[in-house]
Amino acid sequence: MSKKAKEKDTAMTDENIETQGAPVQEDAATAKAENEQVQSETEVMQEELQKEKDKFLRLFAEFENYKKRTSKERMELYKTAGQDIMVSMLPVLDDFDRALAELAKNDEGDVLTGVELISNKLKDTLKNKGLAIVEVAQGDAFDAELHEAITQIPAPSEDLKGKIIDVIEKGYKLGDRIIRHPKVVVGQ
């Protein structure tokens, strides 16, 4: 090869290097810009994903609270489902108690036994459904939360002041809820 050809070849190689260097820098800048764009898109997607996760967790927690609340309401409903019927049966129980007291006074043994059997059967059936008597006795302390004071009379003795003198009507509760407060006379 001639000297001119070698110089020409070298010149072309130098030009190629110069022209190739510029695109390499442009490619690096473009790649850097694309990388930043991908990173910003990734960050945006991660933020959206985090928002959706948060939304999902809140919705899940709200649903769990709803399930607990409805379950509690359902259990309460089962406990007091027959409350209206129980309240309407209370006067019948009172009538049985009065009838038993009168039959015991009149000394009618067979009739008394029959009425006692019917009364006990009714009471047992209602007891199995959750009805219970609110226990109150003479001399117990009066509690406005549990008892209904019909009247106050002078206490026969000092130790009965503020205490129950007499029980006029029995009280009943269904489960833990009092459906009829016992009516009492309180000493003053």
N, C-alpha and C. Protein backbone atom coordinates (compact mmCIF):
# COMPACT_ATOMS: atom_id res chain seq x y z
N MET A 1 0.82 -1.15 0.00
CA MET A 1 0.00 0.00 0.00
C MET A 1 0.87 1.23 0.00
N SER A 2 0.38 2.19 -0.66
CA SER A 2 1.16 3.41 -0.77
C SER A 2 0.97 4.27 0.45
N LYS A 3 1.84 5.23 0.51
CA LYS A 3 1.83 6.12 1.64
C LYS A 3 0.55 6.93 1.65
N LYS A 4 0.07 7.32 0.49
CA LYS A 4 -1.15 8.11 0.41
C LYS A 4 -2.35 7.26 0.82
N ALA A 5 -2.34 6.04 0.41
CA ALA A 5 -3.45 5.17 0.74
C ALA A 5 -3.49 4.93 2.24
N LYS A 6 -2.29 4.77 2.86
CA LYS A 6 -2.23 4.58 4.30
C LYS A 6 -2.74 5.80 5.04
N GLU A 7 -2.37 6.99 4.58
CA GLU A 7 -2.82 8.21 5.23
C GLU A 7 -4.33 8.36 5.08
N LYS A 8 -4.82 8.04 3.86
CA LYS A 8 -6.24 8.15 3.61
C LYS A 8 -7.00 7.17 4.51
N ASP A 9 -6.48 5.95 4.67
CA ASP A 9 -7.10 4.95 5.49
C ASP A 9 -7.09 5.37 6.95
N THR A 10 -5.99 5.94 7.41
CA THR A 10 -5.87 6.42 8.77
C THR A 10 -6.84 7.57 9.01
N ALA A 11 -6.99 8.45 8.04
CA ALA A 11 -7.88 9.59 8.18
C ALA A 11 -9.31 9.11 8.31
N MET A 12 -9.65 8.09 7.52
CA MET A 12 -11.01 7.58 7.58
C MET A 12 -11.26 6.91 8.93
N THR A 13 -10.26 6.25 9.44
CA THR A 13 -10.41 5.62 10.73
C THR A 13 -10.59 6.67 11.81
N ASP A 14 -9.86 7.76 11.75
CA ASP A 14 -9.99 8.84 12.73
C ASP A 14 -11.39 9.45 12.64
N GLU A 15 -11.88 9.61 11.41
CA GLU A 15 -13.22 10.18 11.25
C GLU A 15 -14.27 9.25 11.83
N ASN A 16 -14.07 7.94 11.57
CA ASN A 16 -15.03 6.96 12.11
C ASN A 16 -15.05 7.00 13.63
N ILE A 17 -13.87 7.13 14.21
CA ILE A 17 -13.80 7.20 15.66
C ILE A 17 -14.49 8.45 16.16
N GLU A 18 -14.27 9.58 15.52
CA GLU A 18 -14.90 10.83 15.93
C GLU A 18 -16.40 10.75 15.75
N THR A 19 -16.85 10.20 14.61
CA THR A 19 -18.29 10.13 14.37
C THR A 19 -18.94 9.07 15.24
N GLN A 20 -18.21 8.05 15.56
CA GLN A 20 -18.79 7.00 16.40
C GLN A 20 -18.82 7.43 17.86
N GLY A 21 -17.98 8.28 18.31
CA GLY A 21 -17.95 8.74 19.71
C GLY A 21 -19.18 9.53 20.06
N ALA A 22 -19.67 10.34 19.16
CA ALA A 22 -20.84 11.17 19.42
C ALA A 22 -22.08 10.30 19.63
N PRO A 23 -22.32 9.31 18.77
CA PRO A 23 -23.50 8.49 19.03
C PRO A 23 -23.39 7.70 20.32
N VAL A 24 -22.21 7.31 20.72
CA VAL A 24 -22.05 6.57 21.97
C VAL A 24 -22.47 7.46 23.13
N GLN A 25 -22.09 8.74 23.10
CA GLN A 25 -22.48 9.66 24.16
C GLN A 25 -23.98 9.90 24.11
N GLU A 26 -24.54 10.02 22.89
CA GLU A 26 -25.98 10.21 22.77
C GLU A 26 -26.72 8.97 23.24
N ASP A 27 -26.22 7.80 22.92
CA ASP A 27 -26.85 6.56 23.37
C ASP A 27 -26.82 6.45 24.89
N ALA A 28 -25.72 6.86 25.50
CA ALA A 28 -25.61 6.84 26.96
C ALA A 28 -26.59 7.81 27.59
N ALA A 29 -26.73 8.99 27.01
CA ALA A 29 -27.67 9.99 27.52
C ALA A 29 -29.10 9.49 27.34
N THR A 30 -29.38 8.90 26.19
CA THR A 30 -30.71 8.37 25.92
C THR A 30 -31.02 7.22 26.87
N ALA A 31 -30.04 6.34 27.04
CA ALA A 31 -30.23 5.21 27.96
C ALA A 31 -30.46 5.70 29.38
N LYS A 32 -29.71 6.74 29.77
CA LYS A 32 -29.86 7.30 31.12
C LYS A 32 -31.26 7.90 31.27
N ALA A 33 -31.74 8.61 30.25
CA ALA A 33 -33.06 9.22 30.29
C ALA A 33 -34.14 8.13 30.33
N GLU A 34 -33.98 7.08 29.53
CA GLU A 34 -34.93 5.98 29.53
C GLU A 34 -34.93 5.27 30.88
N ASN A 35 -33.74 5.10 31.47
CA ASN A 35 -33.62 4.45 32.78
C ASN A 35 -34.34 5.28 33.84
N GLU A 36 -34.17 6.60 33.80
CA GLU A 36 -34.85 7.48 34.76
C GLU A 36 -36.36 7.42 34.56
N GLN A 37 -36.78 7.36 33.28
CA GLN A 37 -38.20 7.29 32.98
C GLN A 37 -38.78 5.97 33.50
N VAL A 38 -38.07 4.87 33.30
CA VAL A 38 -38.51 3.57 33.80
C VAL A 38 -38.57 3.58 35.32
N GLN A 39 -37.55 4.22 35.95
CA GLN A 39 -37.55 4.30 37.41
C GLN A 39 -38.73 5.13 37.90
N SER A 40 -39.04 6.24 37.24
CA SER A 40 -40.16 7.07 37.68
C SER A 40 -41.48 6.33 37.46
N GLU A 41 -41.60 5.60 36.35
CA GLU A 41 -42.79 4.80 36.12
C GLU A 41 -42.91 3.70 37.18
N THR A 42 -41.80 3.08 37.53
CA THR A 42 -41.78 2.06 38.57
C THR A 42 -42.22 2.65 39.90
N GLU A 43 -41.72 3.84 40.23
CA GLU A 43 -42.10 4.48 41.49
C GLU A 43 -43.59 4.81 41.49
N VAL A 44 -44.09 5.29 40.36
CA VAL A 44 -45.52 5.61 40.26
C VAL A 44 -46.34 4.34 40.45
N MET A 45 -45.91 3.26 39.80
CA MET A 45 -46.62 1.99 39.92
C MET A 45 -46.56 1.46 41.36
N GLN A 46 -45.42 1.62 42.02
CA GLN A 46 -45.30 1.17 43.41
C GLN A 46 -46.21 1.98 44.32
N GLU A 47 -46.31 3.29 44.06
CA GLU A 47 -47.19 4.13 44.86
C GLU A 47 -48.65 3.71 44.66
N GLU A 48 -49.02 3.46 43.40
CA GLU A 48 -50.38 3.01 43.12
C GLU A 48 -50.65 1.65 43.77
N LEU A 49 -49.67 0.76 43.70
CA LEU A 49 -49.80 -0.54 44.34
C LEU A 49 -49.98 -0.39 45.84
N GLN A 50 -49.21 0.50 46.45
CA GLN A 50 -49.31 0.73 47.90
C GLN A 50 -50.69 1.29 48.25
N LYS A 51 -51.20 2.21 47.41
CA LYS A 51 -52.54 2.76 47.65
C LYS A 51 -53.60 1.67 47.56
N GLU A 52 -53.48 0.80 46.58
CA GLU A 52 -54.44 -0.28 46.42
C GLU A 52 -54.35 -1.27 47.58
N LYS A 53 -53.13 -1.55 48.03
CA LYS A 53 -52.97 -2.44 49.19
C LYS A 53 -53.63 -1.83 50.42
N ASP A 54 -53.41 -0.54 50.62
CA ASP A 54 -53.99 0.16 51.77
C ASP A 54 -55.52 0.14 51.67
N LYS A 55 -56.03 0.40 50.48
CA LYS A 55 -57.47 0.38 50.26
C LYS A 55 -58.03 -1.01 50.55
N PHE A 56 -57.34 -2.04 50.08
CA PHE A 56 -57.76 -3.42 50.32
C PHE A 56 -57.77 -3.74 51.81
N LEU A 57 -56.71 -3.36 52.53
CA LEU A 57 -56.64 -3.65 53.96
C LEU A 57 -57.75 -2.95 54.73
N ARG A 58 -58.03 -1.72 54.36
CA ARG A 58 -59.11 -0.99 55.03
C ARG A 58 -60.46 -1.65 54.76
N LEU A 59 -60.68 -2.04 53.51
CA LEU A 59 -61.93 -2.70 53.16
C LEU A 59 -62.06 -4.03 53.88
N PHE A 60 -60.98 -4.77 53.96
CA PHE A 60 -60.98 -6.05 54.67
C PHE A 60 -61.29 -5.85 56.15
N ALA A 61 -60.66 -4.85 56.76
CA ALA A 61 -60.90 -4.57 58.18
C ALA A 61 -62.35 -4.15 58.41
N GLU A 62 -62.88 -3.35 57.51
CA GLU A 62 -64.27 -2.91 57.64
C GLU A 62 -65.22 -4.11 57.53
N PHE A 63 -64.91 -5.02 56.62
CA PHE A 63 -65.73 -6.22 56.46
C PHE A 63 -65.67 -7.09 57.71
N GLU A 64 -64.49 -7.24 58.29
CA GLU A 64 -64.35 -8.03 59.52
C GLU A 64 -65.16 -7.41 60.65
N ASN A 65 -65.12 -6.08 60.77
CA ASN A 65 -65.91 -5.40 61.80
C ASN A 65 -67.40 -5.62 61.56
N TYR A 66 -67.82 -5.58 60.30
CA TYR A 66 -69.21 -5.81 59.95
C TYR A 66 -69.64 -7.22 60.36
N LYS A 67 -68.79 -8.21 60.07
CA LYS A 67 -69.10 -9.59 60.44
C LYS A 67 -69.24 -9.74 61.95
N LYS A 68 -68.32 -9.13 62.69
CA LYS A 68 -68.38 -9.22 64.16
C LYS A 68 -69.65 -8.57 64.68
N ARG A 69 -69.97 -7.38 64.15
CA ARG A 69 -71.15 -6.65 64.61
C ARG A 69 -72.43 -7.42 64.31
N THR A 70 -72.57 -7.95 63.11
CA THR A 70 -73.78 -8.69 62.77
C THR A 70 -73.87 -9.99 63.55
N SER A 71 -72.74 -10.62 63.80
CA SER A 71 -72.75 -11.85 64.61
C SER A 71 -73.21 -11.54 66.03
N LYS A 72 -72.72 -10.45 66.58
CA LYS A 72 -73.12 -10.06 67.94
C LYS A 72 -74.62 -9.72 67.97
N GLU A 73 -75.10 -9.00 66.96
CA GLU A 73 -76.52 -8.66 66.90
C GLU A 73 -77.37 -9.91 66.76
N ARG A 74 -76.91 -10.87 65.96
CA ARG A 74 -77.65 -12.11 65.76
C ARG A 74 -77.73 -12.89 67.06
N MET A 75 -76.62 -12.95 67.80
CA MET A 75 -76.62 -13.66 69.08
C MET A 75 -77.58 -12.99 70.07
N GLU A 76 -77.57 -11.67 70.08
CA GLU A 76 -78.48 -10.94 70.96
C GLU A 76 -79.93 -11.20 70.57
N LEU A 77 -80.18 -11.27 69.27
CA LEU A 77 -81.53 -11.54 68.80
C LEU A 77 -81.98 -12.93 69.21
N TYR A 78 -81.09 -13.91 69.12
CA TYR A 78 -81.45 -15.27 69.54
C TYR A 78 -81.75 -15.31 71.03
N LYS A 79 -80.99 -14.57 71.81
CA LYS A 79 -81.20 -14.58 73.25
C LYS A 79 -82.55 -14.00 73.63
N THR A 80 -82.96 -12.97 72.92
CA THR A 80 -84.19 -12.27 73.29
C THR A 80 -85.28 -12.41 72.23
N ALA A 81 -85.21 -13.44 71.41
CA ALA A 81 -86.19 -13.62 70.33
C ALA A 81 -87.60 -13.74 70.87
N GLY A 82 -87.77 -14.44 71.97
CA GLY A 82 -89.10 -14.65 72.51
C GLY A 82 -89.50 -13.66 73.58
N GLN A 83 -88.85 -12.52 73.63
CA GLN A 83 -89.11 -11.57 74.71
C GLN A 83 -90.58 -11.13 74.72
N ASP A 84 -91.16 -10.84 73.57
CA ASP A 84 -92.55 -10.39 73.54
C ASP A 84 -93.49 -11.47 74.08
N ILE A 85 -93.23 -12.70 73.69
CA ILE A 85 -94.07 -13.80 74.16
C ILE A 85 -93.89 -13.99 75.66
N MET A 86 -92.64 -13.90 76.12
CA MET A 86 -92.38 -14.07 77.55
C MET A 86 -93.07 -12.98 78.36
N VAL A 87 -93.00 -11.75 77.88
CA VAL A 87 -93.65 -10.65 78.60
C VAL A 87 -95.16 -10.86 78.65
N SER A 88 -95.73 -11.37 77.58
CA SER A 88 -97.18 -11.61 77.58
C SER A 88 -97.57 -12.80 78.45
N MET A 89 -96.63 -13.70 78.75
CA MET A 89 -96.92 -14.85 79.60
C MET A 89 -96.79 -14.53 81.10
N LEU A 90 -96.16 -13.43 81.44
CA LEU A 90 -95.95 -13.10 82.85
C LEU A 90 -97.25 -12.94 83.63
N PRO A 91 -98.27 -12.28 83.08
CA PRO A 91 -99.53 -12.23 83.84
C PRO A 91 -100.15 -13.61 84.08
N VAL A 92 -99.95 -14.55 83.18
CA VAL A 92 -100.44 -15.91 83.38
C VAL A 92 -99.73 -16.55 84.56
N LEU A 93 -98.42 -16.34 84.65
CA LEU A 93 -97.67 -16.87 85.80
C LEU A 93 -98.17 -16.25 87.10
N ASP A 94 -98.44 -14.95 87.07
CA ASP A 94 -98.97 -14.28 88.26
C ASP A 94 -100.33 -14.87 88.65
N ASP A 95 -101.18 -15.14 87.66
CA ASP A 95 -102.49 -15.72 87.94
C ASP A 95 -102.36 -17.12 88.54
N PHE A 96 -101.41 -17.91 88.04
CA PHE A 96 -101.19 -19.24 88.62
C PHE A 96 -100.77 -19.12 90.09
N ASP A 97 -99.88 -18.16 90.39
CA ASP A 97 -99.45 -17.99 91.79
C ASP A 97 -100.62 -17.60 92.68
N ARG A 98 -101.48 -16.70 92.21
CA ARG A 98 -102.65 -16.31 93.01
C ARG A 98 -103.64 -17.48 93.16
N ALA A 99 -103.81 -18.25 92.09
CA ALA A 99 -104.73 -19.40 92.16
C ALA A 99 -104.21 -20.44 93.15
N LEU A 100 -102.90 -20.69 93.11
CA LEU A 100 -102.32 -21.66 94.05
C LEU A 100 -102.49 -21.20 95.49
N ALA A 101 -102.32 -19.90 95.74
CA ALA A 101 -102.48 -19.37 97.11
C ALA A 101 -103.93 -19.53 97.57
N GLU A 102 -104.91 -19.26 96.70
CA GLU A 102 -106.32 -19.39 97.09
C GLU A 102 -106.72 -20.86 97.27
N LEU A 103 -106.21 -21.74 96.39
CA LEU A 103 -106.54 -23.16 96.54
C LEU A 103 -105.94 -23.74 97.81
N ALA A 104 -104.78 -23.26 98.21
CA ALA A 104 -104.17 -23.74 99.45
C ALA A 104 -104.99 -23.30 100.66
N LYS A 105 -105.60 -22.12 100.58
CA LYS A 105 -106.45 -21.63 101.68
C LYS A 105 -107.73 -22.46 101.79
N ASN A 106 -108.31 -22.84 100.66
CA ASN A 106 -109.60 -23.55 100.65
C ASN A 106 -109.46 -25.04 100.90
N ASP A 107 -108.26 -25.54 100.96
CA ASP A 107 -108.00 -26.95 101.28
C ASP A 107 -108.64 -27.90 100.27
N GLU A 108 -108.42 -27.60 98.99
CA GLU A 108 -108.90 -28.48 97.92
C GLU A 108 -107.69 -29.20 97.35
N GLY A 109 -107.39 -30.37 97.89
CA GLY A 109 -106.16 -31.10 97.60
C GLY A 109 -105.99 -31.54 96.16
N ASP A 110 -107.00 -32.17 95.58
CA ASP A 110 -106.86 -32.68 94.22
C ASP A 110 -106.75 -31.55 93.20
N VAL A 111 -107.57 -30.53 93.36
CA VAL A 111 -107.53 -29.39 92.45
C VAL A 111 -106.20 -28.66 92.60
N LEU A 112 -105.76 -28.52 93.82
CA LEU A 112 -104.48 -27.86 94.09
C LEU A 112 -103.33 -28.62 93.42
N THR A 113 -103.34 -29.95 93.51
CA THR A 113 -102.29 -30.77 92.89
C THR A 113 -102.30 -30.62 91.37
N GLY A 114 -103.48 -30.60 90.77
CA GLY A 114 -103.59 -30.44 89.32
C GLY A 114 -103.08 -29.09 88.84
N VAL A 115 -103.48 -28.05 89.56
CA VAL A 115 -103.04 -26.70 89.18
C VAL A 115 -101.54 -26.56 89.41
N GLU A 116 -101.01 -27.16 90.47
CA GLU A 116 -99.56 -27.12 90.71
C GLU A 116 -98.79 -27.79 89.57
N LEU A 117 -99.30 -28.93 89.10
CA LEU A 117 -98.65 -29.64 88.00
C LEU A 117 -98.61 -28.78 86.73
N ILE A 118 -99.73 -28.16 86.42
CA ILE A 118 -99.79 -27.30 85.22
C ILE A 118 -98.88 -26.10 85.39
N SER A 119 -98.92 -25.49 86.57
CA SER A 119 -98.08 -24.33 86.84
C SER A 119 -96.60 -24.68 86.74
N ASN A 120 -96.21 -25.80 87.32
CA ASN A 120 -94.80 -26.22 87.28
C ASN A 120 -94.35 -26.52 85.85
N LYS A 121 -95.24 -27.13 85.08
CA LYS A 121 -94.90 -27.44 83.69
C LYS A 121 -94.68 -26.16 82.89
N LEU A 122 -95.55 -25.19 83.07
CA LEU A 122 -95.41 -23.90 82.39
C LEU A 122 -94.12 -23.19 82.82
N LYS A 123 -93.85 -23.18 84.11
CA LYS A 123 -92.65 -22.51 84.62
C LYS A 123 -91.38 -23.19 84.10
N ASP A 124 -91.38 -24.53 84.08
CA ASP A 124 -90.21 -25.25 83.58
C ASP A 124 -89.98 -24.98 82.10
N THR A 125 -91.06 -24.94 81.33
CA THR A 125 -90.93 -24.66 79.89
C THR A 125 -90.36 -23.26 79.67
N LEU A 126 -90.86 -22.28 80.39
CA LEU A 126 -90.36 -20.91 80.25
C LEU A 126 -88.92 -20.79 80.77
N LYS A 127 -88.61 -21.54 81.81
CA LYS A 127 -87.24 -21.54 82.34
C LYS A 127 -86.26 -22.11 81.30
N ASN A 128 -86.67 -23.15 80.61
CA ASN A 128 -85.83 -23.73 79.56
C ASN A 128 -85.61 -22.76 78.40
N LYS A 129 -86.52 -21.83 78.22
CA LYS A 129 -86.38 -20.81 77.16
C LYS A 129 -85.61 -19.58 77.63
N GLY A 130 -85.13 -19.61 78.89
CA GLY A 130 -84.27 -18.53 79.38
C GLY A 130 -84.90 -17.61 80.39
N LEU A 131 -86.14 -17.83 80.76
CA LEU A 131 -86.82 -16.96 81.73
C LEU A 131 -86.38 -17.34 83.14
N ALA A 132 -86.06 -16.34 83.94
CA ALA A 132 -85.66 -16.58 85.33
C ALA A 132 -86.29 -15.52 86.23
N ILE A 133 -86.54 -15.92 87.46
CA ILE A 133 -87.11 -14.99 88.44
C ILE A 133 -85.98 -14.14 89.03
N VAL A 134 -86.26 -12.83 89.17
CA VAL A 134 -85.32 -11.95 89.87
C VAL A 134 -85.58 -12.14 91.36
N GLU A 135 -84.62 -12.72 92.04
CA GLU A 135 -84.79 -13.07 93.45
C GLU A 135 -84.77 -11.81 94.32
N VAL A 136 -85.85 -11.63 95.07
CA VAL A 136 -85.99 -10.51 95.99
C VAL A 136 -86.63 -11.04 97.26
N ALA A 137 -86.09 -10.64 98.39
CA ALA A 137 -86.65 -11.07 99.66
C ALA A 137 -86.82 -9.87 100.59
N GLN A 138 -87.68 -10.03 101.57
CA GLN A 138 -87.89 -8.98 102.55
C GLN A 138 -86.58 -8.75 103.31
N GLY A 139 -86.21 -7.48 103.44
CA GLY A 139 -84.98 -7.13 104.15
C GLY A 139 -83.80 -6.89 103.21
N ASP A 140 -83.95 -7.19 101.91
CA ASP A 140 -82.88 -6.89 100.95
C ASP A 140 -82.78 -5.38 100.77
N ALA A 141 -81.59 -4.93 100.44
CA ALA A 141 -81.38 -3.50 100.18
C ALA A 141 -82.06 -3.13 98.87
N PHE A 142 -82.70 -1.95 98.86
CA PHE A 142 -83.38 -1.49 97.66
C PHE A 142 -82.33 -1.00 96.66
N ASP A 143 -82.45 -1.46 95.42
CA ASP A 143 -81.56 -1.04 94.33
C ASP A 143 -82.46 -0.55 93.19
N ALA A 144 -82.37 0.73 92.87
CA ALA A 144 -83.22 1.32 91.85
C ALA A 144 -82.97 0.71 90.47
N GLU A 145 -81.79 0.13 90.26
CA GLU A 145 -81.49 -0.52 88.97
C GLU A 145 -82.25 -1.83 88.83
N LEU A 146 -82.51 -2.51 89.94
CA LEU A 146 -83.14 -3.83 89.89
C LEU A 146 -84.60 -3.84 90.31
N HIS A 147 -84.98 -2.92 91.17
CA HIS A 147 -86.31 -2.95 91.76
C HIS A 147 -87.12 -1.72 91.34
N GLU A 148 -88.44 -1.89 91.37
CA GLU A 148 -89.35 -0.78 91.12
C GLU A 148 -90.13 -0.53 92.41
N ALA A 149 -89.92 0.62 93.01
CA ALA A 149 -90.60 0.94 94.27
C ALA A 149 -91.99 1.48 93.95
N ILE A 150 -92.99 0.81 94.49
CA ILE A 150 -94.37 1.27 94.27
C ILE A 150 -94.73 2.33 95.30
N THR A 151 -94.33 2.07 96.52
CA THR A 151 -94.63 3.01 97.59
C THR A 151 -93.60 2.89 98.70
N GLN A 152 -93.61 3.88 99.57
CA GLN A 152 -92.76 3.84 100.76
C GLN A 152 -93.66 3.93 101.98
N ILE A 153 -93.35 3.11 102.95
CA ILE A 153 -94.11 3.14 104.19
C ILE A 153 -93.13 3.29 105.34
N PRO A 154 -93.61 3.74 106.50
CA PRO A 154 -92.71 3.82 107.64
C PRO A 154 -92.19 2.42 107.99
N ALA A 155 -90.90 2.33 108.19
CA ALA A 155 -90.27 1.04 108.49
C ALA A 155 -90.70 0.56 109.87
N PRO A 156 -91.06 -0.74 109.98
CA PRO A 156 -91.45 -1.27 111.28
C PRO A 156 -90.30 -1.26 112.29
N SER A 157 -89.05 -1.30 111.79
CA SER A 157 -87.90 -1.23 112.68
C SER A 157 -86.80 -0.43 111.98
N GLU A 158 -85.84 0.00 112.77
CA GLU A 158 -84.76 0.84 112.24
C GLU A 158 -83.90 0.12 111.20
N ASP A 159 -83.74 -1.18 111.36
CA ASP A 159 -82.88 -1.91 110.42
C ASP A 159 -83.53 -2.11 109.04
N LEU A 160 -84.83 -1.83 108.89
CA LEU A 160 -85.51 -1.97 107.60
C LEU A 160 -85.63 -0.65 106.84
N LYS A 161 -85.05 0.42 107.34
CA LYS A 161 -85.10 1.69 106.61
C LYS A 161 -84.25 1.58 105.35
N GLY A 162 -84.86 1.94 104.23
CA GLY A 162 -84.17 1.86 102.94
C GLY A 162 -84.09 0.45 102.39
N LYS A 163 -84.81 -0.46 103.03
CA LYS A 163 -84.79 -1.85 102.59
C LYS A 163 -86.19 -2.26 102.15
N ILE A 164 -86.26 -3.40 101.52
CA ILE A 164 -87.53 -3.89 100.98
C ILE A 164 -88.36 -4.48 102.13
N ILE A 165 -89.59 -3.99 102.23
CA ILE A 165 -90.52 -4.45 103.25
C ILE A 165 -91.38 -5.60 102.70
N ASP A 166 -91.87 -5.44 101.45
CA ASP A 166 -92.76 -6.44 100.87
C ASP A 166 -92.56 -6.48 99.35
N VAL A 167 -92.77 -7.65 98.76
CA VAL A 167 -92.71 -7.81 97.31
C VAL A 167 -94.14 -7.94 96.80
N ILE A 168 -94.57 -6.98 95.99
CA ILE A 168 -95.94 -6.97 95.47
C ILE A 168 -96.05 -7.86 94.22
N GLU A 169 -95.07 -7.74 93.33
CA GLU A 169 -95.10 -8.51 92.09
C GLU A 169 -93.69 -8.98 91.76
N LYS A 170 -93.57 -10.25 91.38
CA LYS A 170 -92.27 -10.82 91.06
C LYS A 170 -91.68 -10.16 89.81
N GLY A 171 -90.36 -10.14 89.78
CA GLY A 171 -89.66 -9.66 88.59
C GLY A 171 -89.06 -10.82 87.83
N TYR A 172 -88.88 -10.61 86.52
CA TYR A 172 -88.34 -11.67 85.68
C TYR A 172 -87.26 -11.10 84.77
N LYS A 173 -86.33 -11.99 84.42
CA LYS A 173 -85.31 -11.61 83.45
C LYS A 173 -85.21 -12.70 82.40
N LEU A 174 -84.85 -12.28 81.20
CA LEU A 174 -84.66 -13.18 80.08
C LEU A 174 -83.20 -13.09 79.70
N GLY A 175 -82.45 -14.15 80.00
CA GLY A 175 -81.00 -14.08 79.81
C GLY A 175 -80.43 -13.14 80.85
N ASP A 176 -79.74 -12.11 80.41
CA ASP A 176 -79.17 -11.12 81.32
C ASP A 176 -80.02 -9.86 81.41
N ARG A 177 -81.05 -9.77 80.60
CA ARG A 177 -81.87 -8.55 80.53
C ARG A 177 -83.11 -8.71 81.39
N ILE A 178 -83.37 -7.71 82.22
CA ILE A 178 -84.58 -7.72 83.05
C ILE A 178 -85.75 -7.29 82.17
N ILE A 179 -86.77 -8.15 82.08
CA ILE A 179 -87.93 -7.80 81.25
C ILE A 179 -89.09 -7.28 82.10
N ARG A 180 -89.05 -7.55 83.40
CA ARG A 180 -90.00 -6.93 84.33
C ARG A 180 -89.32 -6.81 85.69
N HIS A 181 -89.25 -5.58 86.19
CA HIS A 181 -88.64 -5.32 87.49
C HIS A 181 -89.62 -5.74 88.60
N PRO A 182 -89.08 -6.29 89.69
CA PRO A 182 -89.96 -6.65 90.79
C PRO A 182 -90.51 -5.39 91.44
N LYS A 183 -91.80 -5.41 91.72
CA LYS A 183 -92.46 -4.25 92.35
C LYS A 183 -92.44 -4.48 93.86
N VAL A 184 -91.87 -3.50 94.55
CA VAL A 184 -91.65 -3.67 95.99
C VAL A 184 -92.13 -2.45 96.77
N VAL A 185 -92.29 -2.70 98.07
CA VAL A 185 -92.60 -1.64 99.03
C VAL A 185 -91.33 -1.41 99.83
N VAL A 186 -90.93 -0.15 99.97
CA VAL A 186 -89.67 0.19 100.63
C VAL A 186 -89.97 0.92 101.95
N GLY A 187 -89.17 0.59 102.97
CA GLY A 187 -89.33 1.24 104.26
C GLY A 187 -88.56 2.56 104.30
N GLN A 188 -89.16 3.54 104.98
CA GLN A 188 -88.47 4.85 105.10
C GLN A 188 -88.26 5.25 106.53
